[in-house]
Amino acid sequence: MSLVTLVSGGIDSTVMALLAKEEGVEQYPLFIDYGQLSRRREWEACRRLHARHGLPRPKRMALAGFGGLISSGLTRPHARVNEDAFLPGRNLLFLLAGAAYAREVGAGAVAIGLLDERYRVFPDQTTSFLAAAEQALVAALGDRVRVIAPLMGFSKSDTIRLARAMGVEGTYSCHAGQSDPCGTCISCRETAGALRKGGSHGRRGRKPDAEAR
């Protein structure tokens, strides 16, 4: 079965795409511009990484109006990048966009790079959310589409180790959108914390083919 991979130029989604490639899963990478401050640098990193690692060229979907209207530290330069980081409906928007694109290209699943829910920050980072979203998408599209999270059994430390083993360099995931990581946003702090701790804190996750085929 083929799948749409939701990619952002960050460590998690890049590792997810590379695992799918290793398993021979046909994928259609999709980058979503939802009005995030970091969209330019994310998109540049995404294209560069996909070209470097022989991944399919990602498609870009422009949905910047969402972030332009719904306030968040991810989309407003004068908001607090940490305290106001929650963007309501972001992951549901991603999954809806991915599912619609999957229907367009004939893929049977959408893959999102969420990590182990034990480390979740927001309510849309859980297995229960993914199950409910899948049901809603099937009802909305009138067609069967699976929602999978191949890294759900991994911690950030696990993903960083995998990225290193795969030779992944030059990812970008700072929410502030600066040329150098801000060091204070949730994404920067999560990565820095994982690097300090080292080692594994999550279960070993299943590879994409166990979910998608």
C-alpha atoms as a PDB file:
ATOM      1  CA  MET A   1       0.000   0.000   0.000  1.00  0.00           C
ATOM      2  CA  SER A   2       1.250   3.499  -0.764  1.00  0.00           C
ATOM      3  CA  LEU A   3       0.984   6.381   1.669  1.00  0.00           C
ATOM      4  CA  VAL A   4       1.182  10.133   1.992  1.00  0.00           C
ATOM      5  CA  THR A   5       3.976  11.144   4.361  1.00  0.00           C
ATOM      6  CA  LEU A   6       3.458  14.461   6.126  1.00  0.00           C
ATOM      7  CA  VAL A   7       6.914  16.030   6.064  1.00  0.00           C
ATOM      8  CA  SER A   8       8.296  19.251   7.491  1.00  0.00           C
ATOM      9  CA  GLY A   9      12.072  19.203   7.153  1.00  0.00           C
ATOM     10  CA  GLY A  10      12.427  18.197  10.811  1.00  0.00           C
ATOM     11  CA  ILE A  11      14.107  15.146  12.322  1.00  0.00           C
ATOM     12  CA  ASP A  12      10.971  13.114  13.019  1.00  0.00           C
ATOM     13  CA  SER A  13       9.279  13.390   9.640  1.00  0.00           C
ATOM     14  CA  THR A  14      12.584  12.882   7.791  1.00  0.00           C
ATOM     15  CA  VAL A  15      13.293   9.681   9.715  1.00  0.00           C
ATOM     16  CA  MET A  16       9.731   8.533   9.063  1.00  0.00           C
ATOM     17  CA  ALA A  17      10.145   9.087   5.313  1.00  0.00           C
ATOM     18  CA  LEU A  18      13.485   7.264   5.278  1.00  0.00           C
ATOM     19  CA  LEU A  19      12.049   4.279   7.159  1.00  0.00           C
ATOM     20  CA  ALA A  20       9.283   4.075   4.572  1.00  0.00           C
ATOM     21  CA  LYS A  21      11.923   4.169   1.822  1.00  0.00           C
ATOM     22  CA  GLU A  22      13.912   1.372   3.503  1.00  0.00           C
ATOM     23  CA  GLU A  23      10.794  -0.785   3.581  1.00  0.00           C
ATOM     24  CA  GLY A  24      10.052  -0.124  -0.083  1.00  0.00           C
ATOM     25  CA  VAL A  25       6.778   1.678   0.670  1.00  0.00           C
ATOM     26  CA  GLU A  26       5.672   3.987  -2.141  1.00  0.00           C
ATOM     27  CA  GLN A  27       5.215   7.435  -0.664  1.00  0.00           C
ATOM     28  CA  TYR A  28       3.901  10.840  -1.632  1.00  0.00           C
ATOM     29  CA  PRO A  29       5.551  13.429   0.643  1.00  0.00           C
ATOM     30  CA  LEU A  30       3.393  16.440   1.474  1.00  0.00           C
ATOM     31  CA  PHE A  31       4.609  19.672   3.083  1.00  0.00           C
ATOM     32  CA  ILE A  32       1.921  21.912   4.533  1.00  0.00           C
ATOM     33  CA  ASP A  33       2.345  25.673   4.779  1.00  0.00           C
ATOM     34  CA  TYR A  34      -0.166  26.569   7.481  1.00  0.00           C
ATOM     35  CA  GLY A  35       1.245  30.044   8.057  1.00  0.00           C
ATOM     36  CA  GLN A  36       4.004  28.965  10.455  1.00  0.00           C
ATOM     37  CA  LEU A  37       6.836  31.424  11.130  1.00  0.00           C
ATOM     38  CA  SER A  38       9.355  28.759  10.138  1.00  0.00           C
ATOM     39  CA  ARG A  39       7.759  27.768   6.825  1.00  0.00           C
ATOM     40  CA  ARG A  40      10.505  29.135   4.548  1.00  0.00           C
ATOM     41  CA  ARG A  41      13.346  27.408   6.362  1.00  0.00           C
ATOM     42  CA  GLU A  42      11.324  24.223   6.897  1.00  0.00           C
ATOM     43  CA  TRP A  43      10.536  24.027   3.183  1.00  0.00           C
ATOM     44  CA  GLU A  44      14.161  24.626   2.204  1.00  0.00           C
ATOM     45  CA  ALA A  45      15.345  21.905   4.596  1.00  0.00           C
ATOM     46  CA  CYS A  46      12.623  19.538   3.407  1.00  0.00           C
ATOM     47  CA  ARG A  47      13.526  19.870  -0.264  1.00  0.00           C
ATOM     48  CA  ARG A  48      17.254  19.619   0.443  1.00  0.00           C
ATOM     49  CA  LEU A  49      16.921  16.507   2.618  1.00  0.00           C
ATOM     50  CA  HIS A  50      14.642  14.723   0.179  1.00  0.00           C
ATOM     51  CA  ALA A  51      17.025  15.389  -2.701  1.00  0.00           C
ATOM     52  CA  ARG A  52      20.048  14.295  -0.666  1.00  0.00           C
ATOM     53  CA  HIS A  53      18.501  11.025   0.493  1.00  0.00           C
ATOM     54  CA  GLY A  54      16.790  10.028  -2.741  1.00  0.00           C
ATOM     55  CA  LEU A  55      13.286  10.593  -1.436  1.00  0.00           C
ATOM     56  CA  PRO A  56      10.452  11.674  -3.732  1.00  0.00           C
ATOM     57  CA  ARG A  57      10.191  15.410  -4.279  1.00  0.00           C
ATOM     58  CA  PRO A  58       7.697  16.795  -1.741  1.00  0.00           C
ATOM     59  CA  LYS A  59       4.571  18.639  -2.801  1.00  0.00           C
ATOM     60  CA  ARG A  60       3.669  21.858  -1.014  1.00  0.00           C
ATOM     61  CA  MET A  61       0.113  22.697   0.014  1.00  0.00           C
ATOM     62  CA  ALA A  62      -0.593  26.360   0.789  1.00  0.00           C
ATOM     63  CA  LEU A  63      -2.962  26.747   3.740  1.00  0.00           C
ATOM     64  CA  ALA A  64      -1.375  29.849   5.255  1.00  0.00           C
ATOM     65  CA  GLY A  65      -4.764  31.432   5.868  1.00  0.00           C
ATOM     66  CA  PHE A  66      -5.326  28.995   8.726  1.00  0.00           C
ATOM     67  CA  GLY A  67      -2.391  30.280  10.742  1.00  0.00           C
ATOM     68  CA  GLY A  68      -3.114  33.816   9.661  1.00  0.00           C
ATOM     69  CA  LEU A  69      -6.493  33.735  11.377  1.00  0.00           C
ATOM     70  CA  ILE A  70      -5.939  31.301  14.264  1.00  0.00           C
ATOM     71  CA  SER A  71      -3.437  32.856  16.655  1.00  0.00           C
ATOM     72  CA  SER A  72      -0.498  30.881  18.029  1.00  0.00           C
ATOM     73  CA  GLY A  73       3.135  31.357  18.938  1.00  0.00           C
ATOM     74  CA  LEU A  74       3.876  29.246  15.861  1.00  0.00           C
ATOM     75  CA  THR A  75       2.261  31.760  13.507  1.00  0.00           C
ATOM     76  CA  ARG A  76       2.368  35.190  15.176  1.00  0.00           C
ATOM     77  CA  PRO A  77       5.773  36.906  15.549  1.00  0.00           C
ATOM     78  CA  HIS A  78       4.696  38.846  18.636  1.00  0.00           C
ATOM     79  CA  ALA A  79       3.068  35.921  20.464  1.00  0.00           C
ATOM     80  CA  ARG A  80       4.943  33.842  23.030  1.00  0.00           C
ATOM     81  CA  VAL A  81       6.564  31.022  21.069  1.00  0.00           C
ATOM     82  CA  ASN A  82       6.411  28.653  24.050  1.00  0.00           C
ATOM     83  CA  GLU A  83       3.438  29.522  26.230  1.00  0.00           C
ATOM     84  CA  ASP A  84       1.207  30.112  23.188  1.00  0.00           C
ATOM     85  CA  ALA A  85       2.577  27.277  21.065  1.00  0.00           C
ATOM     86  CA  PHE A  86      -0.672  25.322  20.805  1.00  0.00           C
ATOM     87  CA  LEU A  87      -2.354  25.880  17.435  1.00  0.00           C
ATOM     88  CA  PRO A  88      -5.860  24.393  17.767  1.00  0.00           C
ATOM     89  CA  GLY A  89      -6.623  21.837  15.078  1.00  0.00           C
ATOM     90  CA  ARG A  90      -3.151  21.790  13.527  1.00  0.00           C
ATOM     91  CA  ASN A  91      -2.676  18.020  13.426  1.00  0.00           C
ATOM     92  CA  LEU A  92      -6.267  17.471  12.351  1.00  0.00           C
ATOM     93  CA  LEU A  93      -5.688  19.967   9.532  1.00  0.00           C
ATOM     94  CA  PHE A  94      -2.569  18.034   8.531  1.00  0.00           C
ATOM     95  CA  LEU A  95      -4.427  14.735   8.474  1.00  0.00           C
ATOM     96  CA  LEU A  96      -7.370  16.125   6.520  1.00  0.00           C
ATOM     97  CA  ALA A  97      -5.035  17.649   3.924  1.00  0.00           C
ATOM     98  CA  GLY A  98      -3.026  14.429   3.763  1.00  0.00           C
ATOM     99  CA  ALA A  99      -6.117  12.240   3.437  1.00  0.00           C
ATOM    100  CA  ALA A 100      -7.549  14.386   0.641  1.00  0.00           C
ATOM    101  CA  TYR A 101      -4.208  14.221  -1.164  1.00  0.00           C
ATOM    102  CA  ALA A 102      -4.078  10.456  -0.585  1.00  0.00           C
ATOM    103  CA  ARG A 103      -7.444  10.143  -2.289  1.00  0.00           C
ATOM    104  CA  GLU A 104      -6.108  12.220  -5.178  1.00  0.00           C
ATOM    105  CA  VAL A 105      -3.029  10.038  -5.745  1.00  0.00           C
ATOM    106  CA  GLY A 106      -4.620   6.718  -4.839  1.00  0.00           C
ATOM    107  CA  ALA A 107      -2.746   6.145  -1.588  1.00  0.00           C
ATOM    108  CA  GLY A 108      -4.390   4.205   1.202  1.00  0.00           C
ATOM    109  CA  ALA A 109      -2.827   5.834   4.253  1.00  0.00           C
ATOM    110  CA  VAL A 110      -1.500   9.052   5.740  1.00  0.00           C
ATOM    111  CA  ALA A 111       1.602   8.933   7.946  1.00  0.00           C
ATOM    112  CA  ILE A 112       2.314  11.570  10.573  1.00  0.00           C
ATOM    113  CA  GLY A 113       5.534  11.826  12.579  1.00  0.00           C
ATOM    114  CA  LEU A 114       4.151  11.838  16.116  1.00  0.00           C
ATOM    115  CA  LEU A 115       6.327  10.343  18.853  1.00  0.00           C
ATOM    116  CA  ASP A 116       5.448   8.315  21.950  1.00  0.00           C
ATOM    117  CA  GLU A 117       2.382   9.866  23.543  1.00  0.00           C
ATOM    118  CA  ARG A 118       3.989   9.632  26.978  1.00  0.00           C
ATOM    119  CA  TYR A 119       5.906  12.761  25.974  1.00  0.00           C
ATOM    120  CA  ARG A 120       2.957  14.583  24.452  1.00  0.00           C
ATOM    121  CA  VAL A 121       2.515  18.319  24.982  1.00  0.00           C
ATOM    122  CA  PHE A 122      -0.821  18.838  23.211  1.00  0.00           C
ATOM    123  CA  PRO A 123      -4.089  16.849  23.062  1.00  0.00           C
ATOM    124  CA  ASP A 124      -3.699  16.019  19.350  1.00  0.00           C
ATOM    125  CA  GLN A 125      -0.609  13.865  19.908  1.00  0.00           C
ATOM    126  CA  THR A 126      -2.252  10.694  21.208  1.00  0.00           C
ATOM    127  CA  THR A 127      -3.373   7.349  19.817  1.00  0.00           C
ATOM    128  CA  SER A 128      -6.960   8.146  20.791  1.00  0.00           C
ATOM    129  CA  PHE A 129      -6.810  11.330  18.735  1.00  0.00           C
ATOM    130  CA  LEU A 130      -5.449   9.429  15.733  1.00  0.00           C
ATOM    131  CA  ALA A 131      -8.204   6.801  15.973  1.00  0.00           C
ATOM    132  CA  ALA A 132     -10.915   9.456  16.191  1.00  0.00           C
ATOM    133  CA  ALA A 133      -9.361  11.408  13.320  1.00  0.00           C
ATOM    134  CA  GLU A 134      -9.318   8.306  11.133  1.00  0.00           C
ATOM    135  CA  GLN A 135     -13.023   7.720  11.753  1.00  0.00           C
ATOM    136  CA  ALA A 136     -13.807  11.344  10.939  1.00  0.00           C
ATOM    137  CA  LEU A 137     -11.773  11.224   7.726  1.00  0.00           C
ATOM    138  CA  VAL A 138     -13.508   8.071   6.536  1.00  0.00           C
ATOM    139  CA  ALA A 139     -16.863   9.761   7.148  1.00  0.00           C
ATOM    140  CA  ALA A 140     -15.751  12.980   5.458  1.00  0.00           C
ATOM    141  CA  LEU A 141     -14.238  11.369   2.366  1.00  0.00           C
ATOM    142  CA  GLY A 142     -16.629   8.471   1.979  1.00  0.00           C
ATOM    143  CA  ASP A 143     -13.640   6.226   1.458  1.00  0.00           C
ATOM    144  CA  ARG A 144     -11.309   4.125   3.588  1.00  0.00           C
ATOM    145  CA  VAL A 145      -8.094   5.898   4.569  1.00  0.00           C
ATOM    146  CA  ARG A 146      -5.759   4.798   7.326  1.00  0.00           C
ATOM    147  CA  VAL A 147      -3.976   7.153   9.708  1.00  0.00           C
ATOM    148  CA  ILE A 148      -0.643   5.818  10.927  1.00  0.00           C
ATOM    149  CA  ALA A 149       2.125   7.106  13.180  1.00  0.00           C
ATOM    150  CA  PRO A 150       5.157   4.863  12.558  1.00  0.00           C
ATOM    151  CA  LEU A 151       7.234   6.611  15.250  1.00  0.00           C
ATOM    152  CA  MET A 152       4.609   6.397  18.010  1.00  0.00           C
ATOM    153  CA  GLY A 153       6.796   3.934  19.908  1.00  0.00           C
ATOM    154  CA  PHE A 154       9.860   6.180  19.794  1.00  0.00           C
ATOM    155  CA  SER A 155      11.165   8.912  22.072  1.00  0.00           C
ATOM    156  CA  LYS A 156      12.991  11.943  20.683  1.00  0.00           C
ATOM    157  CA  SER A 157      16.269  10.312  21.763  1.00  0.00           C
ATOM    158  CA  ASP A 158      15.406   7.229  19.698  1.00  0.00           C
ATOM    159  CA  THR A 159      14.650   9.350  16.653  1.00  0.00           C
ATOM    160  CA  ILE A 160      17.873  11.338  16.972  1.00  0.00           C
ATOM    161  CA  ARG A 161      19.900   8.121  17.115  1.00  0.00           C
ATOM    162  CA  LEU A 162      18.126   6.798  14.035  1.00  0.00           C
ATOM    163  CA  ALA A 163      18.760  10.057  12.217  1.00  0.00           C
ATOM    164  CA  ARG A 164      22.453   9.850  12.998  1.00  0.00           C
ATOM    165  CA  ALA A 165      22.623   6.241  11.826  1.00  0.00           C
ATOM    166  CA  MET A 166      20.931   7.284   8.579  1.00  0.00           C
ATOM    167  CA  GLY A 167      23.333  10.179   8.040  1.00  0.00           C
ATOM    168  CA  VAL A 168      20.604  12.782   8.394  1.00  0.00           C
ATOM    169  CA  GLU A 169      21.967  16.302   8.825  1.00  0.00           C
ATOM    170  CA  GLY A 170      20.592  19.774   8.248  1.00  0.00           C
ATOM    171  CA  THR A 171      17.049  19.298   9.508  1.00  0.00           C
ATOM    172  CA  TYR A 172      15.085  22.325  10.686  1.00  0.00           C
ATOM    173  CA  SER A 173      12.382  22.406  13.343  1.00  0.00           C
ATOM    174  CA  CYS A 174      12.730  25.658  15.312  1.00  0.00           C
ATOM    175  CA  HIS A 175       9.295  27.203  15.767  1.00  0.00           C
ATOM    176  CA  ALA A 176      10.683  30.745  15.792  1.00  0.00           C
ATOM    177  CA  GLY A 177      11.826  30.498  12.174  1.00  0.00           C
ATOM    178  CA  GLN A 178      15.226  32.053  12.804  1.00  0.00           C
ATOM    179  CA  SER A 179      18.383  31.196  10.890  1.00  0.00           C
ATOM    180  CA  ASP A 180      19.841  29.647  14.055  1.00  0.00           C
ATOM    181  CA  PRO A 181      17.703  27.615  16.472  1.00  0.00           C
ATOM    182  CA  CYS A 182      16.216  29.899  19.123  1.00  0.00           C
ATOM    183  CA  GLY A 183      16.879  27.392  21.896  1.00  0.00           C
ATOM    184  CA  THR A 184      13.714  28.342  23.762  1.00  0.00           C
ATOM    185  CA  CYS A 185      10.762  27.046  21.727  1.00  0.00           C
ATOM    186  CA  ILE A 186       9.235  23.669  22.566  1.00  0.00           C
ATOM    187  CA  SER A 187      10.886  21.973  19.604  1.00  0.00           C
ATOM    188  CA  CYS A 188      14.369  23.305  20.413  1.00  0.00           C
ATOM    189  CA  ARG A 189      14.028  22.411  24.080  1.00  0.00           C
ATOM    190  CA  GLU A 190      12.742  18.919  23.279  1.00  0.00           C
ATOM    191  CA  THR A 191      15.707  18.257  20.993  1.00  0.00           C
ATOM    192  CA  ALA A 192      18.235  19.726  23.442  1.00  0.00           C
ATOM    193  CA  GLY A 193      16.784  17.641  26.267  1.00  0.00           C
ATOM    194  CA  ALA A 194      17.010  14.451  24.211  1.00  0.00           C
ATOM    195  CA  LEU A 195      20.614  15.199  23.306  1.00  0.00           C
ATOM    196  CA  ARG A 196      21.528  15.787  26.963  1.00  0.00           C
ATOM    197  CA  LYS A 197      19.860  12.601  28.175  1.00  0.00           C
ATOM    198  CA  GLY A 198      21.041  10.326  25.405  1.00  0.00           C
ATOM    199  CA  GLY A 199      19.984   6.690  25.481  1.00  0.00           C
ATOM    200  CA  SER A 200      16.542   5.305  24.796  1.00  0.00           C
ATOM    201  CA  HIS A 201      13.423   6.253  26.702  1.00  0.00           C
ATOM    202  CA  GLY A 202      10.782   4.743  24.425  1.00  0.00           C
ATOM    203  CA  ARG A 203       9.686   1.383  23.142  1.00  0.00           C
ATOM    204  CA  ARG A 204      11.019   0.202  19.849  1.00  0.00           C
ATOM    205  CA  GLY A 205       8.495   1.264  17.241  1.00  0.00           C
ATOM    206  CA  ARG A 206       7.146  -0.698  14.335  1.00  0.00           C
ATOM    207  CA  LYS A 207       8.381   0.172  10.894  1.00  0.00           C
ATOM    208  CA  PRO A 208       6.023   1.720   8.362  1.00  0.00           C
ATOM    209  CA  ASP A 209       5.373  -1.477   6.414  1.00  0.00           C
ATOM    210  CA  ALA A 210       3.893  -3.133   9.505  1.00  0.00           C
ATOM    211  CA  GLU A 211       1.232  -0.422   9.473  1.00  0.00           C
ATOM    212  CA  ALA A 212       0.814   0.474   5.840  1.00  0.00           C
ATOM    213  CA  ARG A 213       0.846  -2.736   3.867  1.00  0.00           C
END
